[in-house]
Protein backbone atom coordinates (compact mmCIF):
# COMPACT_ATOMS: atom_id res chain seq x y z
CA UNK A 1 7.50 12.48 -47.06
CA UNK A 2 8.72 9.20 -48.37
CA UNK A 3 6.86 6.02 -47.32
CA UNK A 4 9.45 2.99 -47.58
CA UNK A 5 7.03 -0.03 -47.77
CA UNK A 6 8.26 -3.63 -47.62
CA UNK A 7 6.49 -6.16 -49.90
CA UNK A 8 3.63 -8.26 -48.55
CA UNK A 9 4.24 -12.07 -47.51
CA UNK A 10 5.68 -13.95 -50.47
CA UNK A 11 5.96 -17.62 -51.18
CA UNK A 12 8.25 -20.36 -50.07
CA UNK A 13 11.91 -20.28 -50.67
CA UNK A 14 11.59 -22.46 -53.63
CA UNK A 15 9.10 -20.04 -55.16
CA UNK A 16 9.60 -16.73 -53.34
CA UNK A 17 8.74 -14.03 -55.90
CA UNK A 18 5.06 -14.45 -55.56
CA UNK A 19 2.42 -13.21 -53.08
CA UNK A 20 0.75 -15.61 -50.72
CA UNK A 21 -2.93 -15.36 -50.01
CA UNK A 22 -2.08 -13.75 -46.74
CA UNK A 23 0.32 -11.42 -48.56
CA UNK A 24 -2.49 -10.17 -50.83
CA UNK A 25 -4.74 -9.58 -47.76
CA UNK A 26 -1.80 -7.64 -46.03
CA UNK A 27 -1.51 -5.44 -49.18
CA UNK A 28 -5.34 -4.75 -49.18
CA UNK A 29 -5.19 -3.82 -45.45
CA UNK A 30 -2.33 -1.42 -46.23
CA UNK A 31 -4.48 0.28 -48.88
CA UNK A 32 -7.41 0.62 -46.45
CA UNK A 33 -4.97 2.07 -43.80
CA UNK A 34 -3.71 4.67 -46.19
CA UNK A 35 -7.33 5.64 -46.93
CA UNK A 36 -8.13 5.87 -43.27
CA UNK A 37 -5.14 8.24 -42.70
CA UNK A 38 -6.09 10.34 -45.58
CA UNK A 39 -2.78 9.73 -47.27
CA UNK A 40 -2.25 11.53 -50.70
CA UNK A 41 0.38 9.80 -52.65
CA UNK A 42 1.73 11.93 -55.33
CA UNK A 43 3.96 9.35 -56.77
CA UNK A 44 4.22 5.52 -56.39
CA UNK A 45 7.37 3.50 -57.16
CA UNK A 46 8.06 -0.15 -57.01
CA UNK A 47 10.93 -2.47 -57.83
CA UNK A 48 10.38 -4.85 -60.71
CA UNK A 49 9.96 -8.01 -58.65
CA UNK A 50 6.39 -9.58 -58.61
CA UNK A 51 6.17 -9.39 -54.89
CA UNK A 52 7.02 -5.72 -54.77
CA UNK A 53 4.91 -4.64 -57.86
CA UNK A 54 1.88 -6.58 -56.84
CA UNK A 55 1.90 -5.29 -53.30
CA UNK A 56 1.88 -1.78 -54.79
CA UNK A 57 -0.75 -2.51 -57.33
CA UNK A 58 -3.06 -4.09 -54.77
CA UNK A 59 -2.66 -1.28 -52.20
CA UNK A 60 -3.11 1.46 -54.97
CA UNK A 61 -6.35 -0.38 -56.37
CA UNK A 62 -7.89 -0.21 -52.86
CA UNK A 63 -7.47 3.46 -52.81
CA UNK A 64 -8.57 4.07 -56.38
CA UNK A 65 -11.74 2.01 -55.85
CA UNK A 66 -12.56 4.27 -52.97
CA UNK A 67 -12.61 7.20 -55.37
CA UNK A 68 -9.16 8.61 -55.10
CA UNK A 69 -7.25 9.41 -58.22
CA UNK A 70 -5.35 6.32 -59.21
CA UNK A 71 -1.51 6.84 -59.31
CA UNK A 72 0.25 4.85 -61.86
CA UNK A 73 2.93 2.67 -60.34
CA UNK A 74 6.44 3.50 -61.79
CA UNK A 75 8.40 0.39 -61.99
CA UNK A 76 12.19 1.02 -61.22
CA UNK A 77 14.19 -2.30 -61.10
CA UNK A 78 16.86 -0.65 -59.27
CA UNK A 79 14.68 -0.99 -56.04
CA UNK A 80 14.92 -4.98 -56.60
CA UNK A 81 16.11 -7.06 -53.72
CA UNK A 82 19.40 -8.84 -53.95
CA UNK A 83 19.00 -12.65 -54.55
CA UNK A 84 19.42 -14.37 -51.25
CA UNK A 85 18.93 -17.72 -52.99
CA UNK A 86 21.90 -17.03 -55.32
CA UNK A 87 24.09 -16.15 -52.28
CA UNK A 88 23.02 -19.37 -50.53
CA UNK A 89 23.94 -21.48 -53.56
CA UNK A 90 27.20 -19.84 -54.12
CA UNK A 91 28.70 -19.73 -50.42
CA UNK A 92 26.52 -21.74 -48.10
CA UNK A 93 28.37 -24.90 -48.78
CA UNK A 94 31.64 -23.46 -48.29
CA UNK A 95 30.50 -21.88 -44.97
CA UNK A 96 29.44 -25.40 -43.93
CA UNK A 97 32.91 -26.69 -44.57
CA UNK A 98 34.36 -23.71 -42.61
CA UNK A 99 32.11 -23.96 -39.65
CA UNK A 100 30.66 -26.92 -37.88
CA UNK A 101 28.12 -24.62 -35.99
CA UNK A 102 26.85 -23.26 -39.41
CA UNK A 103 26.65 -26.89 -40.61
CA UNK A 104 24.50 -27.85 -37.65
CA UNK A 105 22.28 -24.70 -38.15
CA UNK A 106 21.71 -25.47 -41.85
CA UNK A 107 20.50 -28.96 -40.88
CA UNK A 108 18.13 -27.47 -38.23
CA UNK A 109 16.99 -24.75 -40.64
CA UNK A 110 16.06 -27.45 -43.36
CA UNK A 111 14.01 -29.37 -40.87
CA UNK A 112 12.30 -26.12 -39.49
CA UNK A 113 11.35 -25.03 -43.27
CA UNK A 114 9.80 -28.40 -43.81
CA UNK A 115 7.50 -27.81 -40.77
CA UNK A 116 6.87 -24.09 -41.71
CA UNK A 117 8.07 -22.71 -45.14
CA UNK A 118 7.66 -19.18 -43.81
CA UNK A 119 9.62 -19.42 -40.51
CA UNK A 120 12.37 -17.01 -39.69
CA UNK A 121 13.03 -18.11 -36.06
CA UNK A 122 15.90 -19.90 -34.60
CA UNK A 123 18.41 -21.62 -36.96
CA UNK A 124 16.66 -19.97 -40.03
CA UNK A 125 17.26 -16.56 -38.79
CA UNK A 126 20.88 -17.39 -37.74
CA UNK A 127 21.67 -18.83 -41.14
CA UNK A 128 20.27 -16.04 -43.08
CA UNK A 129 22.15 -13.45 -40.99
CA UNK A 130 25.50 -15.40 -41.27
CA UNK A 131 25.20 -15.77 -45.06
CA UNK A 132 24.31 -12.21 -45.47
CA UNK A 133 27.20 -11.19 -43.29
CA UNK A 134 29.60 -13.31 -45.28
CA UNK A 135 28.27 -11.58 -48.50
CA UNK A 136 28.64 -8.16 -47.03
CA UNK A 137 32.15 -8.91 -45.82
CA UNK A 138 33.14 -10.29 -49.27
CA UNK A 139 34.24 -13.22 -47.47
CA UNK A 140 34.31 -15.31 -50.64
CA UNK A 141 35.59 -12.85 -53.23
CA UNK A 142 35.19 -15.23 -56.22
CA UNK A 143 31.39 -14.95 -55.78
CA UNK A 144 30.16 -14.17 -59.29
CA UNK A 145 26.81 -12.58 -58.40
CA UNK A 146 25.88 -9.05 -57.45
CA UNK A 147 28.26 -7.93 -54.67
CA UNK A 148 27.26 -6.14 -51.61
CA UNK A 149 29.29 -3.07 -52.70
CA UNK A 150 27.36 -2.88 -56.13
CA UNK A 151 23.94 -3.58 -54.62
CA UNK A 152 24.30 -0.88 -52.00
CA UNK A 153 25.56 1.54 -54.33
CA UNK A 154 22.45 0.68 -56.60
CA UNK A 155 19.95 1.39 -53.78
CA UNK A 156 21.93 4.54 -52.57
CA UNK A 157 21.73 5.97 -56.11
CA UNK A 158 17.88 5.32 -55.94
CA UNK A 159 17.83 7.20 -52.74
CA UNK A 160 19.92 10.01 -53.97
CA UNK A 161 17.42 10.38 -56.99
CA UNK A 162 14.47 10.68 -54.73
CA UNK A 163 16.10 13.39 -52.85
CA UNK A 164 17.54 15.31 -55.60
CA UNK A 165 14.36 15.12 -57.52
CA UNK A 166 12.39 16.97 -54.99
CA UNK A 167 12.55 20.77 -55.06
CA UNK A 168 12.02 22.95 -52.04
CA UNK A 169 8.45 23.50 -53.40
CA UNK A 170 7.46 19.87 -53.52
CA UNK A 171 9.29 18.25 -50.43
CA UNK A 172 5.84 18.32 -48.69
CA UNK A 173 4.52 15.69 -51.33
CA UNK A 174 4.05 12.12 -50.25
CA UNK A 175 5.88 9.33 -52.20
CA UNK A 176 5.57 5.67 -51.74
CA UNK A 177 8.28 3.20 -52.60
CA UNK A 178 7.43 -0.55 -52.52
CA UNK A 179 10.60 -2.38 -52.12
CA UNK A 180 12.11 -5.05 -49.93
CA UNK A 181 13.82 -5.38 -46.59
CA UNK A 182 17.39 -4.78 -47.50
CA UNK A 183 16.98 -1.60 -49.53
CA UNK A 184 14.69 -0.24 -46.49
CA UNK A 185 17.50 -1.21 -44.15
CA UNK A 186 20.14 0.68 -46.16
CA UNK A 187 17.91 3.82 -46.19
CA UNK A 188 17.53 3.48 -42.42
CA UNK A 189 21.17 3.02 -41.92
CA UNK A 190 22.02 6.04 -44.05
CA UNK A 191 19.51 8.11 -41.93
CA UNK A 192 20.99 7.08 -38.69
CA UNK A 193 24.58 6.49 -39.84
CA UNK A 194 24.72 2.84 -38.89
CA UNK A 195 27.18 0.42 -39.68
CA UNK A 196 26.62 -2.47 -42.10
CA UNK A 197 26.69 -4.75 -39.01
CA UNK A 198 23.87 -2.89 -37.42
CA UNK A 199 22.21 -2.79 -40.82
CA UNK A 200 21.97 -6.71 -40.67
CA UNK A 201 20.23 -6.59 -37.39
CA UNK A 202 17.65 -4.29 -38.88
CA UNK A 203 16.77 -6.88 -41.66
CA UNK A 204 15.33 -9.57 -39.42
CA UNK A 205 12.63 -7.37 -37.80
CA UNK A 206 10.79 -5.58 -40.82
CA UNK A 207 7.31 -6.80 -41.12
CA UNK A 208 5.70 -7.45 -44.55
CA UNK A 209 3.82 -4.26 -45.70
CA UNK A 210 5.39 -2.30 -42.89
CA UNK A 211 6.01 1.51 -43.44
CA UNK A 212 9.12 3.32 -42.72
CA UNK A 213 8.64 7.01 -43.04
CA UNK A 214 11.40 9.46 -43.80
CA UNK A 215 11.69 13.01 -45.06
CA UNK A 216 14.06 14.20 -47.74
CA UNK A 217 16.41 16.92 -46.62
CA UNK A 218 19.16 18.47 -48.85
CA UNK A 219 21.72 16.82 -46.55
CA UNK A 220 20.03 13.27 -46.68
CA UNK A 221 17.19 11.43 -45.09
CA UNK A 222 15.52 12.03 -41.78
CA UNK A 223 13.88 9.16 -40.09
CA UNK A 224 10.28 9.62 -38.51
CA UNK A 225 9.06 6.09 -38.08
CA UNK A 226 10.41 2.65 -38.49
CA UNK A 227 8.74 -0.55 -39.31
CA UNK A 228 5.09 0.43 -38.52
CA UNK A 229 2.22 -2.03 -39.24
CA UNK A 230 -0.84 -0.72 -37.46
CA UNK A 231 -2.98 -2.27 -40.22
CA UNK A 232 -2.00 -5.77 -39.16
CA UNK A 233 -2.69 -7.60 -35.85
CA UNK A 234 -0.53 -10.26 -34.17
CA UNK A 235 -1.98 -13.10 -36.38
CA UNK A 236 -1.25 -11.62 -39.71
CA UNK A 237 2.17 -9.93 -39.00
CA UNK A 238 4.79 -11.85 -40.77
CA UNK A 239 8.44 -11.42 -41.35
CA UNK A 240 8.82 -13.38 -44.63
């Protein structure tokens, strides 16, 4: 059993790789939920980003404080999220030149973010999806950052290692992977044979600290649950 867990709520776009106060509370509630469910985690992995690592550390500390044997969080930077900020800096201005509609959405997004730095609604969601699609499609091939091809290959290699690292005897063990929305979307797309276009639609619905549960099979991943967050209620479920 593999629990793919999205990190807790992070900071603003200007300083995203931190946990907010609500994010730390979400991570604590996740640890409490694992306790209530009697989860026995045999291994815990996290990306190297602060928001990924601290989510794992807080959730695991709740479990260890309750008397469960503490599992050391193994940091694997291959689970890191791509840099949306870098993609925006590189191609958003060019997209504005190419599309009047996108230019209007950017202006609307900037105003929305001034009102609520964590918003994902309306123009903010449309701009994020448009920029990510342009990056995935390699619409601007002179982009000098990490490409979609190299990023997705990196995540798929992590997934392959998880699967191949489990023998027939230990496939019943529970593993937690604390990562971000796009790696979880890639794993989900692999399990369901979804296109990259469908994958983009998954990104926008993943809650912070949600769990997506899969089982490793010799032929790949089998999806059991997607984007579950029973430890959160309406007031503290967030998307960013």
